[in-house]
């Protein structure tokens, strides 16, 4: 998956970086906004919250999350909330009868680790 990001600072020894959403973003890609702690397996907001934007073409979109906190996103004209608690678990963000293209902007709250999007 191609992930265009605009970094406003370089990663320090702790893996903390600041990002800004790019002006343009390709299909089936994600971008980050805000402060994130990056590890080989997950990302965690370094402040109160940070955002991930996903451009997708799929029937279903899921996100693997762990930790304790909330994640909000907008789909189908409604804002929805996920309450993450515990070990990594897959959460359905979107499910439609047919393939669709769209954009999801997910706000990941303090205390939540994001691992991956899966879609198909």
PDB file of N, CA and C in Angstrom:
ATOM      1  N   UNK A   1       0.846  -1.164   0.000  1.00  0.00           N
ATOM      2  CA  UNK A   1       0.000   0.000   0.000  1.00  0.00           C
ATOM      3  C   UNK A   1       0.892   1.228   0.000  1.00  0.00           C
ATOM      4  N   UNK A   2       0.624   2.154  -0.855  1.00  0.00           N
ATOM      5  CA  UNK A   2       1.364   3.398  -0.936  1.00  0.00           C
ATOM      6  C   UNK A   2       0.868   4.341   0.152  1.00  0.00           C
ATOM      7  N   UNK A   3       1.773   4.941   0.909  1.00  0.00           N
ATOM      8  CA  UNK A   3       1.333   5.833   1.980  1.00  0.00           C
ATOM      9  C   UNK A   3       2.053   7.169   1.904  1.00  0.00           C
ATOM     10  N   UNK A   4       1.452   8.139   1.198  1.00  0.00           N
ATOM     11  CA  UNK A   4       2.074   9.456   1.120  1.00  0.00           C
ATOM     12  C   UNK A   4       1.922  10.186   2.445  1.00  0.00           C
ATOM     13  N   UNK A   5       3.015  10.626   3.009  1.00  0.00           N
ATOM     14  CA  UNK A   5       2.941  11.396   4.242  1.00  0.00           C
ATOM     15  C   UNK A   5       3.820  12.616   4.111  1.00  0.00           C
ATOM     16  N   UNK A   6       3.458  13.637   4.822  1.00  0.00           N
ATOM     17  CA  UNK A   6       4.262  14.846   4.886  1.00  0.00           C
ATOM     18  C   UNK A   6       4.769  14.944   6.314  1.00  0.00           C
ATOM     19  N   UNK A   7       6.046  14.739   6.515  1.00  0.00           N
ATOM     20  CA  UNK A   7       6.618  14.779   7.855  1.00  0.00           C
ATOM     21  C   UNK A   7       7.068  16.193   8.166  1.00  0.00           C
ATOM     22  N   UNK A   8       6.678  16.655   9.336  1.00  0.00           N
ATOM     23  CA  UNK A   8       7.115  17.981   9.723  1.00  0.00           C
ATOM     24  C   UNK A   8       8.339  17.915  10.630  1.00  0.00           C
ATOM     25  N   UNK A   9       8.743  16.715  11.043  1.00  0.00           N
ATOM     26  CA  UNK A   9       9.986  16.552  11.783  1.00  0.00           C
ATOM     27  C   UNK A   9      10.501  15.134  11.603  1.00  0.00           C
ATOM     28  N   UNK A  10      11.771  14.947  11.817  1.00  0.00           N
ATOM     29  CA  UNK A  10      12.395  13.636  11.700  1.00  0.00           C
ATOM     30  C   UNK A  10      12.166  12.839  12.976  1.00  0.00           C
ATOM     31  N   UNK A  11      12.205  11.512  12.831  1.00  0.00           N
ATOM     32  CA  UNK A  11      12.074  10.646  13.996  1.00  0.00           C
ATOM     33  C   UNK A  11      13.291  10.799  14.889  1.00  0.00           C
ATOM     34  N   UNK A  12      13.030  10.942  16.163  1.00  0.00           N
ATOM     35  CA  UNK A  12      14.109  10.965  17.136  1.00  0.00           C
ATOM     36  C   UNK A  12      14.396   9.546  17.593  1.00  0.00           C
ATOM     37  N   UNK A  13      15.236   9.390  18.596  1.00  0.00           N
ATOM     38  CA  UNK A  13      15.605   8.060  19.049  1.00  0.00           C
ATOM     39  C   UNK A  13      14.423   7.272  19.612  1.00  0.00           C
ATOM     40  N   UNK A  14      13.358   7.943  19.998  1.00  0.00           N
ATOM     41  CA  UNK A  14      12.200   7.256  20.551  1.00  0.00           C
ATOM     42  C   UNK A  14      11.154   6.926  19.494  1.00  0.00           C
ATOM     43  N   UNK A  15      11.368   7.311  18.228  1.00  0.00           N
ATOM     44  CA  UNK A  15      10.416   7.010  17.174  1.00  0.00           C
ATOM     45  C   UNK A  15       9.229   7.947  17.121  1.00  0.00           C
ATOM     46  N   UNK A  16       9.337   9.136  17.719  1.00  0.00           N
ATOM     47  CA  UNK A  16       8.248  10.112  17.688  1.00  0.00           C
ATOM     48  C   UNK A  16       8.397  10.985  16.454  1.00  0.00           C
ATOM     49  N   UNK A  17       7.286  11.170  15.729  1.00  0.00           N
ATOM     50  CA  UNK A  17       7.285  12.033  14.547  1.00  0.00           C
ATOM     51  C   UNK A  17       5.994  12.824  14.501  1.00  0.00           C
ATOM     52  N   UNK A  18       6.045  13.969  13.805  1.00  0.00           N
ATOM     53  CA  UNK A  18       4.850  14.769  13.533  1.00  0.00           C
ATOM     54  C   UNK A  18       4.570  14.706  12.044  1.00  0.00           C
ATOM     55  N   UNK A  19       3.296  14.574  11.693  1.00  0.00           N
ATOM     56  CA  UNK A  19       2.876  14.444  10.306  1.00  0.00           C
ATOM     57  C   UNK A  19       1.773  15.444  10.000  1.00  0.00           C
ATOM     58  N   UNK A  20       1.606  15.734   8.711  1.00  0.00           N
ATOM     59  CA  UNK A  20       0.487  16.543   8.229  1.00  0.00           C
ATOM     60  C   UNK A  20      -0.088  15.842   7.008  1.00  0.00           C
ATOM     61  N   UNK A  21      -1.422  15.793   6.908  1.00  0.00           N
ATOM     62  CA  UNK A  21      -2.035  15.167   5.738  1.00  0.00           C
ATOM     63  C   UNK A  21      -1.524  15.827   4.467  1.00  0.00           C
ATOM     64  N   UNK A  22      -1.188  15.039   3.444  1.00  0.00           N
ATOM     65  CA  UNK A  22      -0.755  15.614   2.170  1.00  0.00           C
ATOM     66  C   UNK A  22      -1.940  16.226   1.433  1.00  0.00           C
ATOM     67  N   UNK A  23      -1.658  17.119   0.499  1.00  0.00           N
ATOM     68  CA  UNK A  23      -2.716  17.753  -0.291  1.00  0.00           C
ATOM     69  C   UNK A  23      -3.432  16.724  -1.168  1.00  0.00           C
ATOM     70  N   UNK A  24      -2.685  15.774  -1.724  1.00  0.00           N
ATOM     71  CA  UNK A  24      -3.267  14.730  -2.559  1.00  0.00           C
ATOM     72  C   UNK A  24      -2.903  13.367  -2.003  1.00  0.00           C
ATOM     73  N   UNK A  25      -3.785  12.408  -2.195  1.00  0.00           N
ATOM     74  CA  UNK A  25      -3.545  11.075  -1.669  1.00  0.00           C
ATOM     75  C   UNK A  25      -4.071  10.040  -2.651  1.00  0.00           C
ATOM     76  N   UNK A  26      -3.277   9.042  -2.971  1.00  0.00           N
ATOM     77  CA  UNK A  26      -3.655   8.015  -3.929  1.00  0.00           C
ATOM     78  C   UNK A  26      -4.667   7.021  -3.398  1.00  0.00           C
ATOM     79  N   UNK A  27      -5.245   6.277  -4.336  1.00  0.00           N
ATOM     80  CA  UNK A  27      -6.211   5.232  -4.010  1.00  0.00           C
ATOM     81  C   UNK A  27      -5.530   4.130  -3.194  1.00  0.00           C
ATOM     82  N   UNK A  28      -6.280   3.531  -2.286  1.00  0.00           N
ATOM     83  CA  UNK A  28      -5.781   2.432  -1.451  1.00  0.00           C
ATOM     84  C   UNK A  28      -4.495   2.814  -0.724  1.00  0.00           C
ATOM     85  N   UNK A  29      -4.508   3.981  -0.097  1.00  0.00           N
ATOM     86  CA  UNK A  29      -3.346   4.453   0.654  1.00  0.00           C
ATOM     87  C   UNK A  29      -3.811   5.106   1.951  1.00  0.00           C
ATOM     88  N   UNK A  30      -2.870   5.284   2.870  1.00  0.00           N
ATOM     89  CA  UNK A  30      -3.193   5.979   4.104  1.00  0.00           C
ATOM     90  C   UNK A  30      -2.201   7.108   4.317  1.00  0.00           C
ATOM     91  N   UNK A  31      -2.597   8.063   5.163  1.00  0.00           N
ATOM     92  CA  UNK A  31      -1.734   9.180   5.537  1.00  0.00           C
ATOM     93  C   UNK A  31      -1.978   9.498   7.006  1.00  0.00           C
ATOM     94  N   UNK A  32      -0.978  10.082   7.646  1.00  0.00           N
ATOM     95  CA  UNK A  32      -1.048  10.416   9.071  1.00  0.00           C
ATOM     96  C   UNK A  32      -1.074  11.920   9.272  1.00  0.00           C
ATOM     97  N   UNK A  33      -1.693  12.335  10.393  1.00  0.00           N
ATOM     98  CA  UNK A  33      -1.731  13.733  10.783  1.00  0.00           C
ATOM     99  C   UNK A  33      -1.574  13.789  12.299  1.00  0.00           C
ATOM    100  N   UNK A  34      -0.695  14.672  12.768  1.00  0.00           N
ATOM    101  CA  UNK A  34      -0.489  14.814  14.205  1.00  0.00           C
ATOM    102  C   UNK A  34       0.777  14.117  14.661  1.00  0.00           C
ATOM    103  N   UNK A  35       0.950  14.048  15.972  1.00  0.00           N
ATOM    104  CA  UNK A  35       2.125  13.425  16.557  1.00  0.00           C
ATOM    105  C   UNK A  35       1.899  11.946  16.804  1.00  0.00           C
ATOM    106  N   UNK A  36       2.862  11.136  16.365  1.00  0.00           N
ATOM    107  CA  UNK A  36       2.757   9.679  16.492  1.00  0.00           C
ATOM    108  C   UNK A  36       4.067   9.103  17.015  1.00  0.00           C
ATOM    109  N   UNK A  37       3.958   8.057  17.807  1.00  0.00           N
ATOM    110  CA  UNK A  37       5.098   7.219  18.175  1.00  0.00           C
ATOM    111  C   UNK A  37       5.035   6.012  17.248  1.00  0.00           C
ATOM    112  N   UNK A  38       6.086   5.808  16.472  1.00  0.00           N
ATOM    113  CA  UNK A  38       6.128   4.738  15.479  1.00  0.00           C
ATOM    114  C   UNK A  38       6.963   3.576  15.991  1.00  0.00           C
ATOM    115  N   UNK A  39       6.414   2.369  15.916  1.00  0.00           N
ATOM    116  CA  UNK A  39       7.172   1.160  16.222  1.00  0.00           C
ATOM    117  C   UNK A  39       7.020   0.226  15.028  1.00  0.00           C
ATOM    118  N   UNK A  40       7.797  -0.838  14.967  1.00  0.00           N
ATOM    119  CA  UNK A  40       7.671  -1.755  13.823  1.00  0.00           C
ATOM    120  C   UNK A  40       6.283  -2.387  13.681  1.00  0.00           C
ATOM    121  N   UNK A  41       5.525  -2.486  14.777  1.00  0.00           N
ATOM    122  CA  UNK A  41       4.225  -3.152  14.700  1.00  0.00           C
ATOM    123  C   UNK A  41       3.023  -2.228  14.851  1.00  0.00           C
ATOM    124  N   UNK A  42       3.196  -1.062  15.466  1.00  0.00           N
ATOM    125  CA  UNK A  42       2.024  -0.219  15.720  1.00  0.00           C
ATOM    126  C   UNK A  42       2.417   1.253  15.756  1.00  0.00           C
ATOM    127  N   UNK A  43       1.375   2.094  15.772  1.00  0.00           N
ATOM    128  CA  UNK A  43       1.546   3.534  15.946  1.00  0.00           C
ATOM    129  C   UNK A  43       0.642   3.979  17.090  1.00  0.00           C
ATOM    130  N   UNK A  44       1.101   4.977  17.857  1.00  0.00           N
ATOM    131  CA  UNK A  44       0.360   5.465  19.015  1.00  0.00           C
ATOM    132  C   UNK A  44       0.429   6.989  19.013  1.00  0.00           C
ATOM    133  N   UNK A  45      -0.704   7.678  19.223  1.00  0.00           N
ATOM    134  CA  UNK A  45      -0.651   9.145  19.306  1.00  0.00           C
ATOM    135  C   UNK A  45       0.244   9.596  20.458  1.00  0.00           C
ATOM    136  N   UNK A  46       1.046  10.641  20.222  1.00  0.00           N
ATOM    137  CA  UNK A  46       1.917  11.142  21.280  1.00  0.00           C
ATOM    138  C   UNK A  46       1.255  12.252  22.087  1.00  0.00           C
ATOM    139  N   UNK A  47       0.198  12.844  21.561  1.00  0.00           N
ATOM    140  CA  UNK A  47      -0.536  13.866  22.296  1.00  0.00           C
ATOM    141  C   UNK A  47      -1.880  13.293  22.717  1.00  0.00           C
ATOM    142  N   UNK A  48      -2.868  14.132  22.770  1.00  0.00           N
ATOM    143  CA  UNK A  48      -4.204  13.668  23.137  1.00  0.00           C
ATOM    144  C   UNK A  48      -4.817  12.749  22.094  1.00  0.00           C
ATOM    145  N   UNK A  49      -4.648  13.079  20.812  1.00  0.00           N
ATOM    146  CA  UNK A  49      -5.164  12.251  19.717  1.00  0.00           C
ATOM    147  C   UNK A  49      -4.434  12.637  18.433  1.00  0.00           C
ATOM    148  N   UNK A  50      -4.559  11.774  17.428  1.00  0.00           N
ATOM    149  CA  UNK A  50      -3.974  12.030  16.112  1.00  0.00           C
ATOM    150  C   UNK A  50      -4.856  11.319  15.086  1.00  0.00           C
ATOM    151  N   UNK A  51      -4.645  11.601  13.796  1.00  0.00           N
ATOM    152  CA  UNK A  51      -5.542  11.065  12.772  1.00  0.00           C
ATOM    153  C   UNK A  51      -4.818  10.227  11.725  1.00  0.00           C
ATOM    154  N   UNK A  52      -5.593   9.277  11.186  1.00  0.00           N
ATOM    155  CA  UNK A  52      -5.177   8.460  10.051  1.00  0.00           C
ATOM    156  C   UNK A  52      -6.264   8.615   8.994  1.00  0.00           C
ATOM    157  N   UNK A  53      -5.876   8.900   7.763  1.00  0.00           N
ATOM    158  CA  UNK A  53      -6.843   9.008   6.659  1.00  0.00           C
ATOM    159  C   UNK A  53      -6.582   7.862   5.689  1.00  0.00           C
ATOM    160  N   UNK A  54      -7.636   7.121   5.373  1.00  0.00           N
ATOM    161  CA  UNK A  54      -7.539   5.979   4.470  1.00  0.00           C
ATOM    162  C   UNK A  54      -8.393   6.221   3.241  1.00  0.00           C
ATOM    163  N   UNK A  55      -7.772   6.160   2.069  1.00  0.00           N
ATOM    164  CA  UNK A  55      -8.510   6.131   0.805  1.00  0.00           C
ATOM    165  C   UNK A  55      -8.611   4.659   0.422  1.00  0.00           C
ATOM    166  N   UNK A  56      -9.807   4.185   0.165  1.00  0.00           N
ATOM    167  CA  UNK A  56     -10.008   2.759  -0.051  1.00  0.00           C
ATOM    168  C   UNK A  56     -10.919   2.488  -1.242  1.00  0.00           C
ATOM    169  N   UNK A  57     -10.858   1.258  -1.728  1.00  0.00           N
ATOM    170  CA  UNK A  57     -11.820   0.710  -2.677  1.00  0.00           C
ATOM    171  C   UNK A  57     -12.087  -0.702  -2.173  1.00  0.00           C
ATOM    172  N   UNK A  58     -13.245  -0.903  -1.552  1.00  0.00           N
ATOM    173  CA  UNK A  58     -13.507  -2.175  -0.876  1.00  0.00           C
ATOM    174  C   UNK A  58     -14.976  -2.298  -0.489  1.00  0.00           C
ATOM    175  N   UNK A  59     -15.372  -3.501  -0.113  1.00  0.00           N
ATOM    176  CA  UNK A  59     -16.681  -3.748   0.483  1.00  0.00           C
ATOM    177  C   UNK A  59     -16.624  -3.603   1.997  1.00  0.00           C
ATOM    178  N   UNK A  60     -15.457  -3.931   2.546  1.00  0.00           N
ATOM    179  CA  UNK A  60     -15.305  -3.943   3.996  1.00  0.00           C
ATOM    180  C   UNK A  60     -13.963  -3.333   4.381  1.00  0.00           C
ATOM    181  N   UNK A  61     -13.976  -2.527   5.442  1.00  0.00           N
ATOM    182  CA  UNK A  61     -12.759  -1.940   5.992  1.00  0.00           C
ATOM    183  C   UNK A  61     -12.734  -2.244   7.487  1.00  0.00           C
ATOM    184  N   UNK A  62     -11.601  -2.768   7.958  1.00  0.00           N
ATOM    185  CA  UNK A  62     -11.398  -3.086   9.367  1.00  0.00           C
ATOM    186  C   UNK A  62     -10.107  -2.433   9.841  1.00  0.00           C
ATOM    187  N   UNK A  63      -9.990  -2.243  11.159  1.00  0.00           N
ATOM    188  CA  UNK A  63      -8.782  -1.676  11.741  1.00  0.00           C
ATOM    189  C   UNK A  63      -8.447  -2.463  13.005  1.00  0.00           C
ATOM    190  N   UNK A  64      -7.181  -2.848  13.141  1.00  0.00           N
ATOM    191  CA  UNK A  64      -6.733  -3.581  14.325  1.00  0.00           C
ATOM    192  C   UNK A  64      -6.227  -2.571  15.347  1.00  0.00           C
ATOM    193  N   UNK A  65      -6.800  -2.644  16.568  1.00  0.00           N
ATOM    194  CA  UNK A  65      -6.515  -1.692  17.634  1.00  0.00           C
ATOM    195  C   UNK A  65      -6.271  -2.425  18.947  1.00  0.00           C
ATOM    196  N   UNK A  66      -5.496  -1.784  19.850  1.00  0.00           N
ATOM    197  CA  UNK A  66      -5.341  -2.295  21.212  1.00  0.00           C
ATOM    198  C   UNK A  66      -5.177  -1.112  22.152  1.00  0.00           C
ATOM    199  N   UNK A  67      -5.007  -1.420  23.444  1.00  0.00           N
ATOM    200  CA  UNK A  67      -4.852  -0.370  24.442  1.00  0.00           C
ATOM    201  C   UNK A  67      -6.197  -0.029  25.047  1.00  0.00           C
ATOM    202  N   UNK A  68      -6.272   1.147  25.641  1.00  0.00           N
ATOM    203  CA  UNK A  68      -7.510   1.592  26.278  1.00  0.00           C
ATOM    204  C   UNK A  68      -7.773   3.031  25.866  1.00  0.00           C
ATOM    205  N   UNK A  69      -8.922   3.238  25.219  1.00  0.00           N
ATOM    206  CA  UNK A  69      -9.290   4.575  24.787  1.00  0.00           C
ATOM    207  C   UNK A  69     -10.324   4.522  23.679  1.00  0.00           C
ATOM    208  N   UNK A  70     -10.562   5.661  23.047  1.00  0.00           N
ATOM    209  CA  UNK A  70     -11.585   5.732  22.007  1.00  0.00           C
ATOM    210  C   UNK A  70     -10.986   6.069  20.656  1.00  0.00           C
ATOM    211  N   UNK A  71     -11.689   5.603  19.639  1.00  0.00           N
ATOM    212  CA  UNK A  71     -11.367   5.885  18.244  1.00  0.00           C
ATOM    213  C   UNK A  71     -12.670   6.345  17.610  1.00  0.00           C
ATOM    214  N   UNK A  72     -12.637   7.478  16.903  1.00  0.00           N
ATOM    215  CA  UNK A  72     -13.835   7.956  16.217  1.00  0.00           C
ATOM    216  C   UNK A  72     -13.547   8.047  14.730  1.00  0.00           C
ATOM    217  N   UNK A  73     -14.602   7.874  13.939  1.00  0.00           N
ATOM    218  CA  UNK A  73     -14.477   7.979  12.484  1.00  0.00           C
ATOM    219  C   UNK A  73     -15.846   8.320  11.920  1.00  0.00           C
ATOM    220  N   UNK A  74     -15.831   8.807  10.690  1.00  0.00           N
ATOM    221  CA  UNK A  74     -17.068   9.198  10.018  1.00  0.00           C
ATOM    222  C   UNK A  74     -17.278   8.265   8.834  1.00  0.00           C
ATOM    223  N   UNK A  75     -18.456   7.638   8.787  1.00  0.00           N
ATOM    224  CA  UNK A  75     -18.824   6.747   7.678  1.00  0.00           C
ATOM    225  C   UNK A  75     -20.329   6.839   7.469  1.00  0.00           C
ATOM    226  N   UNK A  76     -20.738   6.854   6.217  1.00  0.00           N
ATOM    227  CA  UNK A  76     -22.166   6.923   5.910  1.00  0.00           C
ATOM    228  C   UNK A  76     -22.846   8.152   6.470  1.00  0.00           C
ATOM    229  N   UNK A  77     -22.096   9.254   6.595  1.00  0.00           N
ATOM    230  CA  UNK A  77     -22.679  10.494   7.095  1.00  0.00           C
ATOM    231  C   UNK A  77     -22.839  10.546   8.608  1.00  0.00           C
ATOM    232  N   UNK A  78     -22.349   9.516   9.305  1.00  0.00           N
ATOM    233  CA  UNK A  78     -22.471   9.478  10.768  1.00  0.00           C
ATOM    234  C   UNK A  78     -21.099   9.334  11.415  1.00  0.00           C
ATOM    235  N   UNK A  79     -20.933   9.970  12.558  1.00  0.00           N
ATOM    236  CA  UNK A  79     -19.716   9.784  13.342  1.00  0.00           C
ATOM    237  C   UNK A  79     -19.931   8.597  14.257  1.00  0.00           C
ATOM    238  N   UNK A  80     -18.956   7.701  14.264  1.00  0.00           N
ATOM    239  CA  UNK A  80     -19.056   6.483  15.071  1.00  0.00           C
ATOM    240  C   UNK A  80     -17.862   6.411  16.012  1.00  0.00           C
ATOM    241  N   UNK A  81     -18.049   5.706  17.117  1.00  0.00           N
ATOM    242  CA  UNK A  81     -17.011   5.580  18.134  1.00  0.00           C
ATOM    243  C   UNK A  81     -16.749   4.117  18.440  1.00  0.00           C
ATOM    244  N   UNK A  82     -15.483   3.782  18.550  1.00  0.00           N
ATOM    245  CA  UNK A  82     -15.049   2.461  18.981  1.00  0.00           C
ATOM    246  C   UNK A  82     -14.362   2.650  20.325  1.00  0.00           C
ATOM    247  N   UNK A  83     -14.663   1.762  21.272  1.00  0.00           N
ATOM    248  CA  UNK A  83     -13.999   1.774  22.570  1.00  0.00           C
ATOM    249  C   UNK A  83     -13.004   0.623  22.581  1.00  0.00           C
ATOM    250  N   UNK A  84     -11.729   0.960  22.404  1.00  0.00           N
ATOM    251  CA  UNK A  84     -10.680  -0.063  22.418  1.00  0.00           C
ATOM    252  C   UNK A  84     -10.377  -0.433  23.863  1.00  0.00           C
ATOM    253  N   UNK A  85     -10.147  -1.724  24.092  1.00  0.00           N
ATOM    254  CA  UNK A  85      -9.809  -2.191  25.434  1.00  0.00           C
ATOM    255  C   UNK A  85      -9.055  -3.511  25.332  1.00  0.00           C
ATOM    256  N   UNK A  86      -7.806  -3.496  25.763  1.00  0.00           N
ATOM    257  CA  UNK A  86      -7.065  -4.742  25.839  1.00  0.00           C
ATOM    258  C   UNK A  86      -6.124  -5.009  24.691  1.00  0.00           C
ATOM    259  N   UNK A  87      -6.008  -6.296  24.373  1.00  0.00           N
ATOM    260  CA  UNK A  87      -5.052  -6.771  23.381  1.00  0.00           C
ATOM    261  C   UNK A  87      -5.546  -6.482  21.965  1.00  0.00           C
ATOM    262  N   UNK A  88      -4.652  -6.604  20.953  1.00  0.00           N
ATOM    263  CA  UNK A  88      -5.059  -6.303  19.578  1.00  0.00           C
ATOM    264  C   UNK A  88      -6.308  -7.060  19.142  1.00  0.00           C
ATOM    265  N   UNK A  89      -7.238  -6.298  18.553  1.00  0.00           N
ATOM    266  CA  UNK A  89      -8.506  -6.848  18.093  1.00  0.00           C
ATOM    267  C   UNK A  89      -8.919  -6.107  16.824  1.00  0.00           C
ATOM    268  N   UNK A  90      -9.536  -6.827  15.909  1.00  0.00           N
ATOM    269  CA  UNK A  90      -9.986  -6.242  14.642  1.00  0.00           C
ATOM    270  C   UNK A  90     -11.384  -5.651  14.811  1.00  0.00           C
ATOM    271  N   UNK A  91     -11.549  -4.401  14.379  1.00  0.00           N
ATOM    272  CA  UNK A  91     -12.827  -3.690  14.493  1.00  0.00           C
ATOM    273  C   UNK A  91     -13.316  -3.309  13.100  1.00  0.00           C
ATOM    274  N   UNK A  92     -14.576  -3.616  12.816  1.00  0.00           N
ATOM    275  CA  UNK A  92     -15.165  -3.261  11.522  1.00  0.00           C
ATOM    276  C   UNK A  92     -15.501  -1.774  11.502  1.00  0.00           C
ATOM    277  N   UNK A  93     -14.994  -1.065  10.492  1.00  0.00           N
ATOM    278  CA  UNK A  93     -15.306   0.345  10.311  1.00  0.00           C
ATOM    279  C   UNK A  93     -16.395   0.543   9.265  1.00  0.00           C
ATOM    280  N   UNK A  94     -16.409  -0.323   8.256  1.00  0.00           N
ATOM    281  CA  UNK A  94     -17.318  -0.136   7.131  1.00  0.00           C
ATOM    282  C   UNK A  94     -17.634  -1.491   6.506  1.00  0.00           C
ATOM    283  N   UNK A  95     -18.894  -1.692   6.146  1.00  0.00           N
ATOM    284  CA  UNK A  95     -19.292  -2.889   5.415  1.00  0.00           C
ATOM    285  C   UNK A  95     -20.435  -2.501   4.475  1.00  0.00           C
ATOM    286  N   UNK A  96     -20.259  -2.785   3.184  1.00  0.00           N
ATOM    287  CA  UNK A  96     -21.261  -2.453   2.179  1.00  0.00           C
ATOM    288  C   UNK A  96     -21.496  -3.674   1.297  1.00  0.00           C
ATOM    289  N   UNK A  97     -22.641  -3.768   0.626  1.00  0.00           N
ATOM    290  CA  UNK A  97     -22.905  -4.934  -0.219  1.00  0.00           C
ATOM    291  C   UNK A  97     -22.030  -4.986  -1.476  1.00  0.00           C
ATOM    292  N   UNK A  98     -21.567  -3.834  -1.945  1.00  0.00           N
ATOM    293  CA  UNK A  98     -20.758  -3.774  -3.168  1.00  0.00           C
ATOM    294  C   UNK A  98     -19.473  -3.003  -2.906  1.00  0.00           C
ATOM    295  N   UNK A  99     -18.465  -3.228  -3.752  1.00  0.00           N
ATOM    296  CA  UNK A  99     -17.229  -2.448  -3.666  1.00  0.00           C
ATOM    297  C   UNK A  99     -17.547  -0.966  -3.824  1.00  0.00           C
ATOM    298  N   UNK A 100     -16.913  -0.162  -2.994  1.00  0.00           N
ATOM    299  CA  UNK A 100     -17.072   1.287  -3.081  1.00  0.00           C
ATOM    300  C   UNK A 100     -15.728   1.943  -2.857  1.00  0.00           C
ATOM    301  N   UNK A 101     -15.573   3.129  -3.405  1.00  0.00           N
ATOM    302  CA  UNK A 101     -14.389   3.933  -3.141  1.00  0.00           C
ATOM    303  C   UNK A 101     -14.782   5.033  -2.183  1.00  0.00           C
ATOM    304  N   UNK A 102     -13.875   5.362  -1.285  1.00  0.00           N
ATOM    305  CA  UNK A 102     -14.176   6.415  -0.339  1.00  0.00           C
ATOM    306  C   UNK A 102     -12.979   6.762   0.509  1.00  0.00           C
ATOM    307  N   UNK A 103     -13.214   7.636   1.461  1.00  0.00           N
ATOM    308  CA  UNK A 103     -12.177   8.079   2.384  1.00  0.00           C
ATOM    309  C   UNK A 103     -12.726   8.004   3.803  1.00  0.00           C
ATOM    310  N   UNK A 104     -11.950   7.411   4.690  1.00  0.00           N
ATOM    311  CA  UNK A 104     -12.261   7.401   6.117  1.00  0.00           C
ATOM    312  C   UNK A 104     -11.178   8.182   6.841  1.00  0.00           C
ATOM    313  N   UNK A 105     -11.582   9.086   7.711  1.00  0.00           N
ATOM    314  CA  UNK A 105     -10.630   9.767   8.579  1.00  0.00           C
ATOM    315  C   UNK A 105     -10.910   9.281   9.988  1.00  0.00           C
ATOM    316  N   UNK A 106      -9.898   8.664  10.579  1.00  0.00           N
ATOM    317  CA  UNK A 106     -10.022   8.028  11.885  1.00  0.00           C
ATOM    318  C   UNK A 106      -9.211   8.833  12.896  1.00  0.00           C
ATOM    319  N   UNK A 107      -9.837   9.215  14.001  1.00  0.00           N
ATOM    320  CA  UNK A 107      -9.143   9.907  15.085  1.00  0.00           C
ATOM    321  C   UNK A 107      -8.853   8.889  16.176  1.00  0.00           C
ATOM    322  N   UNK A 108      -7.577   8.669  16.425  1.00  0.00           N
ATOM    323  CA  UNK A 108      -7.132   7.694  17.415  1.00  0.00           C
ATOM    324  C   UNK A 108      -6.811   8.442  18.701  1.00  0.00           C
ATOM    325  N   UNK A 109      -7.488   8.070  19.770  1.00  0.00           N
ATOM    326  CA  UNK A 109      -7.316   8.751  21.048  1.00  0.00           C
ATOM    327  C   UNK A 109      -6.121   8.274  21.840  1.00  0.00           C
ATOM    328  N   UNK A 110      -5.807   9.036  22.867  1.00  0.00           N
ATOM    329  CA  UNK A 110      -4.700   8.728  23.772  1.00  0.00           C
ATOM    330  C   UNK A 110      -4.887   7.330  24.358  1.00  0.00           C
ATOM    331  N   UNK A 111      -3.807   6.570  24.403  1.00  0.00           N
ATOM    332  CA  UNK A 111      -3.847   5.242  25.005  1.00  0.00           C
ATOM    333  C   UNK A 111      -4.188   4.116  24.053  1.00  0.00           C
ATOM    334  N   UNK A 112      -4.456   4.443  22.778  1.00  0.00           N
ATOM    335  CA  UNK A 112      -4.816   3.424  21.786  1.00  0.00           C
ATOM    336  C   UNK A 112      -3.652   3.213  20.827  1.00  0.00           C
ATOM    337  N   UNK A 113      -3.352   1.952  20.528  1.00  0.00           N
ATOM    338  CA  UNK A 113      -2.350   1.605  19.532  1.00  0.00           C
ATOM    339  C   UNK A 113      -3.076   1.110  18.289  1.00  0.00           C
ATOM    340  N   UNK A 114      -2.684   1.610  17.122  1.00  0.00           N
ATOM    341  CA  UNK A 114      -3.251   1.177  15.841  1.00  0.00           C
ATOM    342  C   UNK A 114      -2.216   0.300  15.140  1.00  0.00           C
ATOM    343  N   UNK A 115      -2.658  -0.850  14.633  1.00  0.00           N
ATOM    344  CA  UNK A 115      -1.754  -1.814  14.005  1.00  0.00           C
ATOM    345  C   UNK A 115      -1.890  -1.850  12.489  1.00  0.00           C
ATOM    346  N   UNK A 116      -3.103  -1.987  11.990  1.00  0.00           N
ATOM    347  CA  UNK A 116      -3.261  -2.114  10.543  1.00  0.00           C
ATOM    348  C   UNK A 116      -4.692  -1.863  10.140  1.00  0.00           C
ATOM    349  N   UNK A 117      -4.850  -1.521   8.845  1.00  0.00           N
ATOM    350  CA  UNK A 117      -6.140  -1.553   8.180  1.00  0.00           C
ATOM    351  C   UNK A 117      -6.173  -2.844   7.380  1.00  0.00           C
ATOM    352  N   UNK A 118      -7.315  -3.470   7.331  1.00  0.00           N
ATOM    353  CA  UNK A 118      -7.525  -4.554   6.369  1.00  0.00           C
ATOM    354  C   UNK A 118      -8.783  -4.199   5.601  1.00  0.00           C
ATOM    355  N   UNK A 119      -8.752  -4.442   4.310  1.00  0.00           N
ATOM    356  CA  UNK A 119      -9.928  -4.146   3.508  1.00  0.00           C
ATOM    357  C   UNK A 119      -9.963  -5.056   2.308  1.00  0.00           C
ATOM    358  N   UNK A 120     -11.163  -5.328   1.830  1.00  0.00           N
ATOM    359  CA  UNK A 120     -11.302  -6.207   0.683  1.00  0.00           C
ATOM    360  C   UNK A 120     -12.706  -6.213   0.145  1.00  0.00           C
TER     361      UNK A 120
END
